[in-house]
Each structure stands twice: as structure tokens, then as C-alpha cells.
Amino acid sequence: QVQLVESGGGLVQSGGSLRLSCAISGSIFSIDFMGWYRQSPGKKRELVAGITNGGGSKYADSVKGRFTISRDNAKNTVYLQMNSLKPEDTAAYYCNLYFWRGGTKFDFWGQGTQVSVSS
């Protein structure tokens, strides 16, 4: 059973920084993609940042230059460093990973952590 547990959310002033962590447990041979999504009330969940098994990363235009995704394979943890935070970054942030096995996609989500940015 794969579990993802996020931490690091909180309340911060505009311009501040937070680092989110996602601890991954369970038996996983190889992960194809890990990412951070966010969702605020009344809006669709959106991809904020993602990193592939090959190390390639992608970011939403709104966070480029401010957020950085990274992974520590030894700790089975993926991070999201968020700098220069803005009130519009306020949302629940979710960790996600998926991998393919035998033609089937296995998709896992964390429970979410709230990030609130005050102006």
C-alpha cells in the first residue's frame, strides 16, 4: 500500500517562503512522475510542479522562478520550495505520484496541506 503524507503548510505573509514535504511509503519499484497540485475553493485542481523519473521538471507559468520541486530518493521524499509567495498561492496543496505497471496506471494522492498567504 502506497501512502503519501504532506507537511509544511501554514500561514505566511506575502513575500515569504515555505517548504512542503511529501513523505512516500510503501513498496514502489519505480515512480514515473511526482508532482504537487493545488486547489482553492471554486477552482479546479491544477498542477503546480512535477518531476519525472528521468529528472525533468515542469512548472505552472504562475510559479516559474518562485517554486522549485526536488526529490530525495534516499528519504523517499519530494519537496516543494515556495519563495516569494503571493496571496493567490493560497490553496490546499496535494502531493501526487503515479507509475505504470502492465498497462495500468497506479495513481496516488496525499491528504493535502493548507497554504495561506496573507497580503
Protein backbone atom coordinates (compact mmCIF):
# COMPACT_ATOMS: atom_id res chain seq x y z
CA GLN A 1 0.00 0.00 0.00
CA VAL A 2 1.44 3.35 -1.08
CA GLN A 3 0.90 6.32 1.19
CA LEU A 4 1.79 9.97 0.72
CA VAL A 5 1.91 12.31 3.70
CA GLU A 6 2.34 16.04 3.16
CA SER A 7 3.64 18.51 5.69
CA GLY A 8 4.97 22.03 5.83
CA GLY A 9 1.89 24.08 5.07
CA GLY A 10 0.89 27.07 7.13
CA LEU A 11 0.21 30.77 7.19
CA VAL A 12 2.82 33.13 5.79
CA GLN A 13 2.93 36.77 4.79
CA SER A 14 3.19 37.83 1.18
CA GLY A 15 6.79 37.55 0.03
CA GLY A 16 7.57 34.80 2.48
CA SER A 17 8.66 31.22 1.92
CA LEU A 18 7.51 27.74 2.79
CA ARG A 19 8.81 24.29 2.02
CA LEU A 20 6.35 21.47 1.58
CA SER A 21 7.39 17.88 2.07
CA CYS A 22 5.76 14.70 0.85
CA ALA A 23 6.90 11.51 2.50
CA ILE A 24 6.27 8.42 0.43
CA SER A 25 5.90 4.98 1.98
CA GLY A 26 5.12 1.61 0.51
CA SER A 27 6.62 -0.72 -2.00
CA ILE A 28 7.31 1.09 -5.23
CA PHE A 29 9.80 -0.18 -7.73
CA SER A 30 9.88 2.86 -9.93
CA ILE A 31 7.92 6.10 -9.98
CA ASP A 32 7.16 7.67 -13.33
CA PHE A 33 6.01 11.04 -12.08
CA MET A 34 5.74 13.00 -8.85
CA GLY A 35 4.02 16.31 -8.58
CA TRP A 36 2.40 18.95 -6.48
CA TYR A 37 -1.09 20.15 -7.25
CA ARG A 38 -3.16 22.82 -5.61
CA GLN A 39 -6.81 23.61 -5.33
CA SER A 40 -8.58 26.64 -3.93
CA PRO A 41 -12.34 26.91 -3.33
CA GLY A 42 -14.33 27.07 -6.54
CA LYS A 43 -11.35 26.27 -8.74
CA LYS A 44 -10.10 23.17 -10.46
CA ARG A 45 -7.13 21.31 -9.09
CA GLU A 46 -4.07 22.41 -11.04
CA LEU A 47 -0.58 21.09 -11.48
CA VAL A 48 1.92 23.38 -9.77
CA ALA A 49 5.14 21.46 -10.36
CA GLY A 50 6.13 17.98 -11.43
CA ILE A 51 9.23 15.89 -11.79
CA THR A 52 9.67 12.80 -13.92
CA ASN A 53 11.65 9.66 -13.31
CA GLY A 54 14.29 10.99 -15.67
CA GLY A 55 14.67 14.15 -13.61
CA GLY A 56 12.87 16.51 -15.92
CA SER A 57 10.65 19.07 -14.26
CA LYS A 58 7.81 21.33 -15.27
CA TYR A 59 6.05 24.23 -13.61
CA ALA A 60 2.87 26.18 -13.93
CA ASP A 61 3.56 29.56 -15.51
CA SER A 62 2.28 31.28 -12.39
CA VAL A 63 5.02 29.79 -10.20
CA LYS A 64 8.02 29.67 -12.54
CA GLY A 65 11.03 31.28 -10.95
CA ARG A 66 9.46 31.14 -7.48
CA PHE A 67 8.83 27.45 -6.78
CA THR A 68 11.24 24.54 -7.03
CA ILE A 69 10.40 20.86 -6.91
CA SER A 70 13.01 18.35 -5.83
CA ARG A 71 13.24 14.78 -4.64
CA ASP A 72 15.42 12.92 -2.19
CA ASN A 73 15.41 9.28 -3.22
CA ALA A 74 17.22 8.17 -0.07
CA LYS A 75 14.46 9.65 2.07
CA ASN A 76 11.61 8.82 -0.31
CA THR A 77 10.54 12.41 -0.09
CA VAL A 78 9.60 15.06 -2.62
CA TYR A 79 9.76 18.74 -1.74
CA LEU A 80 8.26 21.95 -3.00
CA GLN A 81 10.23 25.03 -2.09
CA MET A 82 7.99 28.07 -2.42
CA ASN A 83 9.53 31.53 -2.39
CA SER A 84 8.10 34.99 -2.95
CA LEU A 85 4.68 33.73 -2.03
CA LYS A 86 1.63 35.69 -3.12
CA PRO A 87 -1.93 35.73 -1.79
CA GLU A 88 -3.04 33.97 -4.97
CA ASP A 89 -0.88 30.99 -3.97
CA THR A 90 -3.33 30.32 -1.15
CA ALA A 91 -4.74 26.83 -1.64
CA ALA A 92 -4.70 23.27 -0.43
CA TYR A 93 -1.60 21.59 -1.84
CA TYR A 94 -1.60 17.92 -2.72
CA CYS A 95 1.22 15.54 -3.44
CA ASN A 96 0.73 13.05 -6.26
CA LEU A 97 2.65 10.23 -7.81
CA TYR A 98 1.91 7.67 -10.46
CA PHE A 99 3.53 4.74 -12.16
CA TRP A 100 2.58 2.32 -14.90
CA ARG A 101 2.60 -1.45 -14.50
CA GLY A 102 1.45 -3.84 -17.15
CA GLY A 103 -0.55 -1.19 -18.94
CA THR A 104 -2.30 0.00 -15.79
CA LYS A 105 -1.76 3.42 -14.26
CA PHE A 106 -1.46 3.48 -10.49
CA ASP A 107 -2.23 6.95 -9.13
CA PHE A 108 -1.81 8.07 -5.51
CA TRP A 109 -2.64 11.25 -3.63
CA GLY A 110 -1.82 12.70 -0.25
CA GLN A 111 -4.38 14.21 2.06
CA GLY A 112 -3.32 17.77 1.35
CA THR A 113 -1.76 20.59 3.33
CA GLN A 114 -3.11 24.12 3.51
CA VAL A 115 -1.03 27.09 2.45
CA SER A 116 -2.38 30.53 3.27
CA VAL A 117 -0.63 33.70 2.19
CA SER A 118 -1.73 36.99 3.73
CA SER A 119 -1.31 40.31 1.98
